N, C-alpha and C. Protein backbone atom coordinates (compact mmCIF):
# COMPACT_ATOMS: atom_id res chain seq x y z
N MET A 1 14.24 10.27 3.59
CA MET A 1 14.22 9.46 2.39
C MET A 1 14.70 8.04 2.70
N ASP A 2 15.65 7.90 3.62
CA ASP A 2 16.13 6.56 3.98
C ASP A 2 15.01 5.69 4.54
N CYS A 3 14.18 6.27 5.41
CA CYS A 3 13.07 5.50 5.99
C CYS A 3 12.06 5.10 4.92
N ASN A 4 11.84 5.98 3.95
CA ASN A 4 10.94 5.66 2.85
C ASN A 4 11.47 4.46 2.08
N ASN A 5 12.75 4.50 1.72
CA ASN A 5 13.35 3.40 0.96
C ASN A 5 13.38 2.11 1.78
N GLN A 6 13.70 2.23 3.06
CA GLN A 6 13.72 1.06 3.94
C GLN A 6 12.32 0.44 4.03
N THR A 7 11.30 1.27 4.11
CA THR A 7 9.93 0.77 4.19
C THR A 7 9.57 0.01 2.93
N TRP A 8 9.86 0.57 1.75
CA TRP A 8 9.53 -0.12 0.51
C TRP A 8 10.32 -1.41 0.36
N GLU A 9 11.56 -1.41 0.82
CA GLU A 9 12.37 -2.63 0.75
C GLU A 9 11.74 -3.73 1.60
N LEU A 10 11.36 -3.40 2.82
CA LEU A 10 10.72 -4.38 3.70
C LEU A 10 9.34 -4.78 3.17
N ALA A 11 8.61 -3.83 2.59
CA ALA A 11 7.27 -4.12 2.08
C ALA A 11 7.32 -5.10 0.90
N SER A 12 8.40 -5.07 0.14
CA SER A 12 8.46 -5.93 -1.04
C SER A 12 8.91 -7.36 -0.70
N GLN A 13 9.31 -7.59 0.55
CA GLN A 13 9.68 -8.95 0.96
C GLN A 13 8.41 -9.79 1.06
N PRO A 14 8.44 -11.03 0.56
CA PRO A 14 7.25 -11.86 0.65
C PRO A 14 6.90 -12.26 2.09
N ASP A 15 7.90 -12.36 2.95
CA ASP A 15 7.68 -12.72 4.35
C ASP A 15 8.52 -11.81 5.24
N ARG A 16 7.99 -11.54 6.43
CA ARG A 16 8.71 -10.73 7.41
C ARG A 16 8.61 -11.37 8.78
N THR A 17 9.64 -11.21 9.58
CA THR A 17 9.60 -11.64 10.97
C THR A 17 8.78 -10.63 11.76
N ALA A 18 8.43 -10.95 12.98
CA ALA A 18 7.71 -10.01 13.85
C ALA A 18 8.54 -8.74 14.05
N GLU A 19 9.86 -8.91 14.17
CA GLU A 19 10.74 -7.75 14.35
C GLU A 19 10.72 -6.87 13.10
N GLU A 20 10.74 -7.50 11.92
CA GLU A 20 10.69 -6.73 10.68
C GLU A 20 9.33 -6.06 10.51
N SER A 21 8.28 -6.69 10.97
CA SER A 21 6.95 -6.07 10.92
C SER A 21 6.91 -4.82 11.79
N ALA A 22 7.49 -4.90 12.96
CA ALA A 22 7.57 -3.71 13.84
C ALA A 22 8.44 -2.64 13.19
N GLU A 23 9.54 -3.07 12.58
CA GLU A 23 10.46 -2.14 11.92
C GLU A 23 9.79 -1.43 10.74
N ILE A 24 9.03 -2.17 9.95
CA ILE A 24 8.38 -1.56 8.79
C ILE A 24 7.34 -0.54 9.23
N LEU A 25 6.63 -0.83 10.29
CA LEU A 25 5.62 0.10 10.79
C LEU A 25 6.29 1.38 11.29
N ASP A 26 7.36 1.23 12.07
CA ASP A 26 8.10 2.40 12.55
C ASP A 26 8.68 3.21 11.40
N ALA A 27 9.26 2.51 10.43
CA ALA A 27 9.88 3.20 9.28
C ALA A 27 8.83 3.95 8.46
N ALA A 28 7.66 3.36 8.28
CA ALA A 28 6.60 4.03 7.51
C ALA A 28 6.13 5.30 8.21
N HIS A 29 5.95 5.21 9.52
CA HIS A 29 5.51 6.40 10.26
C HIS A 29 6.60 7.47 10.27
N THR A 30 7.85 7.06 10.41
CA THR A 30 8.96 8.03 10.37
C THR A 30 9.04 8.68 9.00
N ALA A 31 8.91 7.88 7.94
CA ALA A 31 8.94 8.43 6.59
C ALA A 31 7.80 9.41 6.37
N SER A 32 6.62 9.07 6.88
CA SER A 32 5.47 9.95 6.68
C SER A 32 5.64 11.28 7.42
N LEU A 33 6.37 11.25 8.51
CA LEU A 33 6.65 12.50 9.22
C LEU A 33 7.70 13.33 8.49
N ASN A 34 8.62 12.66 7.78
CA ASN A 34 9.69 13.37 7.08
C ASN A 34 9.30 13.85 5.69
N TRP A 35 8.43 13.12 4.99
CA TRP A 35 8.04 13.52 3.63
C TRP A 35 7.49 14.94 3.59
N PRO A 36 6.59 15.32 4.49
CA PRO A 36 6.05 16.67 4.41
C PRO A 36 7.08 17.78 4.65
N SER A 37 8.30 17.42 5.11
CA SER A 37 9.32 18.45 5.28
C SER A 37 9.68 19.07 3.93
N VAL A 38 9.44 18.32 2.87
CA VAL A 38 9.52 18.88 1.52
C VAL A 38 8.07 19.09 1.13
N VAL A 39 7.47 20.10 1.74
CA VAL A 39 6.02 20.24 1.74
C VAL A 39 5.46 20.49 0.34
N THR A 40 4.79 19.47 -0.11
CA THR A 40 3.93 19.58 -1.30
C THR A 40 2.78 18.63 -1.05
N ASP A 41 1.66 18.91 -1.66
CA ASP A 41 0.52 18.01 -1.53
C ASP A 41 0.89 16.62 -2.04
N LEU A 42 1.69 16.57 -3.10
CA LEU A 42 2.10 15.29 -3.67
C LEU A 42 2.87 14.45 -2.65
N ASN A 43 3.82 15.05 -1.96
CA ASN A 43 4.60 14.29 -0.97
C ASN A 43 3.76 13.85 0.22
N VAL A 44 2.83 14.70 0.63
CA VAL A 44 1.93 14.31 1.73
C VAL A 44 1.10 13.09 1.31
N MET A 45 0.59 13.10 0.09
CA MET A 45 -0.21 11.96 -0.39
C MET A 45 0.64 10.71 -0.58
N ARG A 46 1.86 10.88 -1.04
CA ARG A 46 2.75 9.72 -1.16
C ARG A 46 3.00 9.11 0.22
N ALA A 47 3.16 9.95 1.22
CA ALA A 47 3.36 9.45 2.59
C ALA A 47 2.13 8.70 3.07
N LYS A 48 0.95 9.22 2.77
CA LYS A 48 -0.29 8.53 3.17
C LYS A 48 -0.42 7.18 2.48
N MET A 49 -0.05 7.12 1.21
CA MET A 49 -0.14 5.85 0.49
C MET A 49 0.84 4.84 1.07
N LEU A 50 2.02 5.29 1.45
CA LEU A 50 2.99 4.38 2.08
C LEU A 50 2.43 3.83 3.38
N LEU A 51 1.83 4.69 4.19
CA LEU A 51 1.21 4.23 5.44
C LEU A 51 0.08 3.24 5.15
N ALA A 52 -0.73 3.54 4.15
CA ALA A 52 -1.83 2.63 3.81
C ALA A 52 -1.29 1.26 3.42
N GLU A 53 -0.22 1.23 2.63
CA GLU A 53 0.36 -0.05 2.21
C GLU A 53 0.89 -0.84 3.40
N VAL A 54 1.61 -0.19 4.29
CA VAL A 54 2.18 -0.90 5.44
C VAL A 54 1.07 -1.38 6.37
N HIS A 55 0.08 -0.55 6.62
CA HIS A 55 -1.02 -0.98 7.48
C HIS A 55 -1.76 -2.15 6.85
N ALA A 56 -1.93 -2.14 5.54
CA ALA A 56 -2.58 -3.26 4.86
C ALA A 56 -1.73 -4.53 4.97
N LEU A 57 -0.43 -4.40 4.78
CA LEU A 57 0.46 -5.56 4.87
C LEU A 57 0.43 -6.20 6.26
N LEU A 58 0.21 -5.37 7.28
CA LEU A 58 0.20 -5.86 8.65
C LEU A 58 -1.21 -6.18 9.15
N SER A 59 -2.16 -6.29 8.21
CA SER A 59 -3.56 -6.63 8.52
C SER A 59 -4.24 -5.59 9.40
N MET A 60 -3.82 -4.36 9.27
CA MET A 60 -4.42 -3.26 10.02
C MET A 60 -5.38 -2.52 9.09
N GLY A 61 -6.38 -3.27 8.62
CA GLY A 61 -7.29 -2.74 7.61
C GLY A 61 -8.04 -1.50 8.02
N ASN A 62 -8.37 -1.41 9.29
CA ASN A 62 -9.14 -0.25 9.75
C ASN A 62 -8.35 1.05 9.62
N THR A 63 -7.04 0.98 9.60
CA THR A 63 -6.23 2.19 9.44
C THR A 63 -5.59 2.26 8.05
N ALA A 64 -5.86 1.28 7.21
CA ALA A 64 -5.29 1.28 5.85
C ALA A 64 -6.23 1.91 4.83
N LEU A 65 -7.52 1.69 4.97
CA LEU A 65 -8.45 2.06 3.91
C LEU A 65 -8.63 3.56 3.75
N ALA A 66 -8.74 4.30 4.83
CA ALA A 66 -8.98 5.75 4.71
C ALA A 66 -7.84 6.48 3.98
N PRO A 67 -6.57 6.27 4.35
CA PRO A 67 -5.52 6.96 3.59
C PRO A 67 -5.39 6.45 2.16
N ALA A 68 -5.71 5.18 1.94
CA ALA A 68 -5.68 4.65 0.57
C ALA A 68 -6.74 5.33 -0.29
N LYS A 69 -7.94 5.48 0.25
CA LYS A 69 -9.01 6.16 -0.49
C LYS A 69 -8.66 7.62 -0.72
N GLU A 70 -8.16 8.28 0.31
CA GLU A 70 -7.78 9.69 0.17
C GLU A 70 -6.69 9.85 -0.90
N GLY A 71 -5.71 8.96 -0.87
CA GLY A 71 -4.64 9.01 -1.87
C GLY A 71 -5.16 8.72 -3.26
N SER A 72 -6.02 7.72 -3.39
CA SER A 72 -6.60 7.40 -4.69
C SER A 72 -7.37 8.59 -5.26
N ASP A 73 -8.19 9.21 -4.42
CA ASP A 73 -8.96 10.38 -4.87
C ASP A 73 -8.01 11.49 -5.35
N PHE A 74 -6.95 11.73 -4.60
CA PHE A 74 -5.98 12.76 -4.96
C PHE A 74 -5.33 12.46 -6.30
N PHE A 75 -4.77 11.25 -6.44
CA PHE A 75 -4.03 10.91 -7.65
C PHE A 75 -4.93 10.79 -8.87
N GLU A 76 -6.19 10.37 -8.68
CA GLU A 76 -7.12 10.29 -9.80
C GLU A 76 -7.58 11.66 -10.26
N SER A 77 -7.47 12.68 -9.41
CA SER A 77 -7.94 14.02 -9.75
C SER A 77 -6.89 14.87 -10.46
N ARG A 78 -5.71 14.31 -10.67
CA ARG A 78 -4.63 15.08 -11.29
C ARG A 78 -3.91 14.22 -12.31
N LYS A 79 -3.06 14.86 -13.09
CA LYS A 79 -2.24 14.10 -14.03
C LYS A 79 -1.21 13.33 -13.22
N THR A 80 -1.24 12.01 -13.36
CA THR A 80 -0.36 11.13 -12.58
C THR A 80 0.35 10.19 -13.53
N ASP A 81 1.65 10.02 -13.33
CA ASP A 81 2.41 9.09 -14.15
C ASP A 81 1.82 7.69 -14.03
N ASP A 82 1.92 6.93 -15.11
CA ASP A 82 1.32 5.59 -15.14
C ASP A 82 1.87 4.68 -14.05
N TRP A 83 3.17 4.75 -13.77
CA TRP A 83 3.75 3.88 -12.75
C TRP A 83 3.22 4.23 -11.36
N GLU A 84 3.04 5.54 -11.11
CA GLU A 84 2.55 5.95 -9.79
C GLU A 84 1.08 5.57 -9.62
N MET A 85 0.31 5.69 -10.71
CA MET A 85 -1.10 5.30 -10.63
C MET A 85 -1.23 3.81 -10.37
N ALA A 86 -0.32 3.02 -10.93
CA ALA A 86 -0.34 1.57 -10.68
C ALA A 86 -0.07 1.29 -9.20
N PHE A 87 0.89 1.99 -8.61
CA PHE A 87 1.14 1.84 -7.17
C PHE A 87 -0.12 2.21 -6.38
N VAL A 88 -0.73 3.33 -6.72
CA VAL A 88 -1.92 3.81 -6.00
C VAL A 88 -3.03 2.77 -6.07
N CYS A 89 -3.30 2.25 -7.27
CA CYS A 89 -4.37 1.25 -7.44
C CYS A 89 -4.07 -0.02 -6.65
N THR A 90 -2.82 -0.44 -6.66
CA THR A 90 -2.43 -1.66 -5.95
C THR A 90 -2.56 -1.47 -4.44
N ILE A 91 -2.11 -0.34 -3.95
CA ILE A 91 -2.21 -0.07 -2.51
C ILE A 91 -3.67 0.00 -2.09
N HIS A 92 -4.51 0.62 -2.90
CA HIS A 92 -5.94 0.69 -2.57
C HIS A 92 -6.54 -0.72 -2.53
N ALA A 93 -6.12 -1.57 -3.46
CA ALA A 93 -6.60 -2.97 -3.45
C ALA A 93 -6.15 -3.69 -2.19
N HIS A 94 -4.89 -3.51 -1.80
CA HIS A 94 -4.39 -4.14 -0.57
C HIS A 94 -5.18 -3.66 0.64
N ALA A 95 -5.46 -2.36 0.69
CA ALA A 95 -6.20 -1.79 1.83
C ALA A 95 -7.63 -2.32 1.87
N ALA A 96 -8.27 -2.40 0.70
CA ALA A 96 -9.64 -2.94 0.66
C ALA A 96 -9.65 -4.38 1.15
N ASN A 97 -8.66 -5.14 0.76
CA ASN A 97 -8.57 -6.53 1.20
C ASN A 97 -8.35 -6.60 2.72
N ALA A 98 -7.42 -5.82 3.22
CA ALA A 98 -7.10 -5.85 4.66
C ALA A 98 -8.29 -5.41 5.51
N SER A 99 -9.11 -4.52 4.96
CA SER A 99 -10.25 -4.02 5.74
C SER A 99 -11.44 -4.97 5.69
N GLY A 100 -11.35 -6.00 4.83
CA GLY A 100 -12.46 -6.93 4.72
C GLY A 100 -13.58 -6.41 3.84
N ASP A 101 -13.29 -5.37 3.05
CA ASP A 101 -14.28 -4.78 2.16
C ASP A 101 -14.49 -5.69 0.95
N GLY A 102 -15.32 -6.72 1.12
CA GLY A 102 -15.52 -7.72 0.09
C GLY A 102 -16.14 -7.18 -1.19
N THR A 103 -16.94 -6.12 -1.09
CA THR A 103 -17.60 -5.59 -2.28
C THR A 103 -16.62 -4.96 -3.26
N SER A 104 -15.62 -4.28 -2.77
CA SER A 104 -14.72 -3.60 -3.70
C SER A 104 -13.38 -4.32 -3.88
N ARG A 105 -13.13 -5.34 -3.08
CA ARG A 105 -11.84 -6.03 -3.10
C ARG A 105 -11.46 -6.52 -4.49
N ALA A 106 -12.29 -7.32 -5.12
CA ALA A 106 -11.98 -7.88 -6.44
C ALA A 106 -11.88 -6.78 -7.48
N ASP A 107 -12.78 -5.79 -7.41
CA ASP A 107 -12.74 -4.68 -8.36
C ASP A 107 -11.43 -3.91 -8.25
N LYS A 108 -10.98 -3.66 -7.03
CA LYS A 108 -9.73 -2.91 -6.83
C LYS A 108 -8.54 -3.68 -7.37
N TYR A 109 -8.52 -4.99 -7.18
CA TYR A 109 -7.42 -5.79 -7.72
C TYR A 109 -7.44 -5.81 -9.25
N GLN A 110 -8.64 -5.86 -9.84
CA GLN A 110 -8.73 -5.83 -11.29
C GLN A 110 -8.21 -4.50 -11.83
N VAL A 111 -8.60 -3.40 -11.21
CA VAL A 111 -8.12 -2.07 -11.61
C VAL A 111 -6.60 -2.00 -11.47
N ALA A 112 -6.06 -2.57 -10.40
CA ALA A 112 -4.60 -2.55 -10.18
C ALA A 112 -3.88 -3.29 -11.29
N ASN A 113 -4.38 -4.44 -11.68
CA ASN A 113 -3.73 -5.21 -12.75
C ASN A 113 -3.79 -4.47 -14.08
N VAL A 114 -4.90 -3.82 -14.37
CA VAL A 114 -5.01 -3.03 -15.61
C VAL A 114 -4.01 -1.88 -15.55
N ALA A 115 -3.91 -1.21 -14.40
CA ALA A 115 -2.97 -0.09 -14.26
C ALA A 115 -1.53 -0.56 -14.47
N ILE A 116 -1.19 -1.73 -13.96
CA ILE A 116 0.16 -2.27 -14.16
C ILE A 116 0.37 -2.57 -15.65
N ASP A 117 -0.60 -3.18 -16.28
CA ASP A 117 -0.49 -3.48 -17.72
C ASP A 117 -0.35 -2.21 -18.56
N ASP A 118 -0.92 -1.11 -18.09
CA ASP A 118 -0.90 0.15 -18.84
C ASP A 118 0.40 0.94 -18.69
N ILE A 119 1.33 0.48 -17.87
CA ILE A 119 2.60 1.21 -17.72
C ILE A 119 3.38 1.08 -19.03
N ALA A 120 3.71 2.22 -19.61
CA ALA A 120 4.35 2.23 -20.93
C ALA A 120 5.80 1.74 -20.88
N ASP A 121 6.54 2.13 -19.87
CA ASP A 121 7.96 1.79 -19.79
C ASP A 121 8.14 0.41 -19.13
N ASP A 122 8.82 -0.49 -19.82
CA ASP A 122 9.02 -1.85 -19.30
C ASP A 122 9.74 -1.86 -17.96
N GLU A 123 10.74 -1.01 -17.80
CA GLU A 123 11.49 -0.97 -16.54
C GLU A 123 10.60 -0.49 -15.39
N ASP A 124 9.81 0.54 -15.64
CA ASP A 124 8.88 1.02 -14.61
C ASP A 124 7.88 -0.08 -14.23
N ARG A 125 7.36 -0.79 -15.24
CA ARG A 125 6.40 -1.87 -14.97
C ARG A 125 7.05 -2.95 -14.11
N GLU A 126 8.28 -3.31 -14.43
CA GLU A 126 9.00 -4.35 -13.68
C GLU A 126 9.19 -3.92 -12.22
N ILE A 127 9.53 -2.66 -12.01
CA ILE A 127 9.72 -2.15 -10.63
C ILE A 127 8.41 -2.23 -9.86
N VAL A 128 7.33 -1.80 -10.49
CA VAL A 128 6.03 -1.85 -9.81
C VAL A 128 5.65 -3.30 -9.50
N MET A 129 5.84 -4.18 -10.46
CA MET A 129 5.48 -5.59 -10.24
C MET A 129 6.33 -6.21 -9.14
N GLN A 130 7.61 -5.94 -9.12
CA GLN A 130 8.48 -6.51 -8.09
C GLN A 130 8.14 -5.95 -6.72
N THR A 131 7.79 -4.69 -6.66
CA THR A 131 7.47 -4.05 -5.39
C THR A 131 6.12 -4.50 -4.87
N CYS A 132 5.13 -4.58 -5.77
CA CYS A 132 3.77 -4.90 -5.35
C CYS A 132 3.59 -6.38 -5.05
N ARG A 133 4.20 -7.21 -5.84
CA ARG A 133 4.09 -8.65 -5.65
C ARG A 133 5.27 -9.29 -6.33
N PRO A 134 6.03 -10.08 -5.60
CA PRO A 134 7.18 -10.76 -6.21
C PRO A 134 6.81 -11.60 -7.43
N SER A 135 5.59 -12.09 -7.50
CA SER A 135 5.17 -12.90 -8.65
C SER A 135 4.93 -12.04 -9.88
N GLY A 136 4.84 -10.72 -9.70
CA GLY A 136 4.62 -9.83 -10.82
C GLY A 136 3.16 -9.55 -11.12
N ARG A 137 2.24 -10.22 -10.47
CA ARG A 137 0.82 -9.96 -10.68
C ARG A 137 0.18 -9.68 -9.33
N VAL A 138 -0.78 -8.84 -9.33
CA VAL A 138 -1.54 -8.56 -8.12
C VAL A 138 -2.70 -9.53 -8.11
N ARG A 139 -2.61 -10.51 -7.25
CA ARG A 139 -3.58 -11.60 -7.21
C ARG A 139 -4.70 -11.27 -6.22
N VAL A 140 -5.93 -11.53 -6.62
CA VAL A 140 -7.06 -11.34 -5.71
C VAL A 140 -7.02 -12.47 -4.69
N PRO A 141 -6.85 -12.13 -3.41
CA PRO A 141 -6.85 -13.18 -2.39
C PRO A 141 -8.21 -13.87 -2.34
N SER A 142 -8.20 -15.14 -1.97
CA SER A 142 -9.45 -15.89 -1.90
C SER A 142 -10.32 -15.43 -0.74
N SER A 143 -9.70 -14.82 0.26
CA SER A 143 -10.47 -14.28 1.37
C SER A 143 -9.71 -13.10 1.95
N PRO A 144 -10.40 -12.22 2.67
CA PRO A 144 -9.72 -11.08 3.28
C PRO A 144 -8.66 -11.54 4.28
N LEU A 145 -7.79 -10.61 4.61
CA LEU A 145 -6.77 -10.90 5.62
C LEU A 145 -7.44 -11.19 6.95
N PRO A 146 -6.71 -11.79 7.88
CA PRO A 146 -7.30 -12.11 9.18
C PRO A 146 -7.88 -10.89 9.87
N ALA A 147 -8.87 -11.12 10.70
CA ALA A 147 -9.54 -10.02 11.39
C ALA A 147 -8.66 -9.35 12.42
N GLN A 148 -7.56 -9.97 12.80
CA GLN A 148 -6.68 -9.37 13.79
C GLN A 148 -5.29 -9.20 13.23
N ASN A 149 -4.64 -8.16 13.69
CA ASN A 149 -3.28 -7.87 13.30
C ASN A 149 -2.36 -8.86 14.02
N PRO A 150 -1.63 -9.69 13.29
CA PRO A 150 -0.79 -10.69 13.94
C PRO A 150 0.36 -10.08 14.73
N LEU A 151 0.73 -8.84 14.40
CA LEU A 151 1.83 -8.18 15.12
C LEU A 151 1.35 -7.69 16.48
N CYS A 152 0.23 -7.01 16.49
CA CYS A 152 -0.24 -6.37 17.73
C CYS A 152 -1.44 -7.08 18.36
N ASN A 153 -2.04 -8.01 17.61
CA ASN A 153 -3.21 -8.71 18.09
C ASN A 153 -4.34 -7.74 18.47
N VAL A 154 -4.53 -6.72 17.61
CA VAL A 154 -5.55 -5.73 17.84
C VAL A 154 -6.71 -6.00 16.91
N PRO A 155 -7.93 -6.19 17.42
CA PRO A 155 -9.07 -6.41 16.54
C PRO A 155 -9.27 -5.21 15.62
N ARG A 156 -9.69 -5.47 14.39
CA ARG A 156 -9.87 -4.40 13.42
C ARG A 156 -10.88 -3.36 13.86
N SER A 157 -11.89 -3.74 14.58
CA SER A 157 -12.94 -2.79 14.94
C SER A 157 -12.49 -1.78 15.99
N ARG A 158 -11.37 -2.00 16.66
CA ARG A 158 -10.94 -1.11 17.72
C ARG A 158 -9.95 -0.05 17.25
N GLY A 159 -9.45 -0.10 16.07
CA GLY A 159 -8.44 0.86 15.62
C GLY A 159 -7.08 0.37 16.02
N ARG A 160 -6.10 1.27 15.97
CA ARG A 160 -4.73 0.90 16.27
C ARG A 160 -4.62 0.56 17.69
């Protein structure tokens, strides 16, 4: 649980150093290995969404989109709290952007903003907005993230 919280804390920072980028990636992978120890499908999917978010933040679009889509499909197929659905939609938008998927990028960001607006509890909405974007809105980037991961300098087409 500590690695999960550490990952979200680092993910919500507007800027990270190279060391923090390496730390967030390690923490996300460690958290994803630990979440299934409380084995439920829900926890496995939460771990995948966390990995998708971190990979998207680090411009690793080729490894962000698949778990984001899998998580979205899972959460859309079941009763999901409004705050969690907003996280799922936002993470899927980040992954689409990082992967360079121009066709769905704007649509995913629009869905994310609607999901955030639909959160009934003001405190839950504030937490989602602060975590997803310090400005409180999920903004459609003018262009996809760079084609290479600035941390590892790995081209998107080659995988991790």
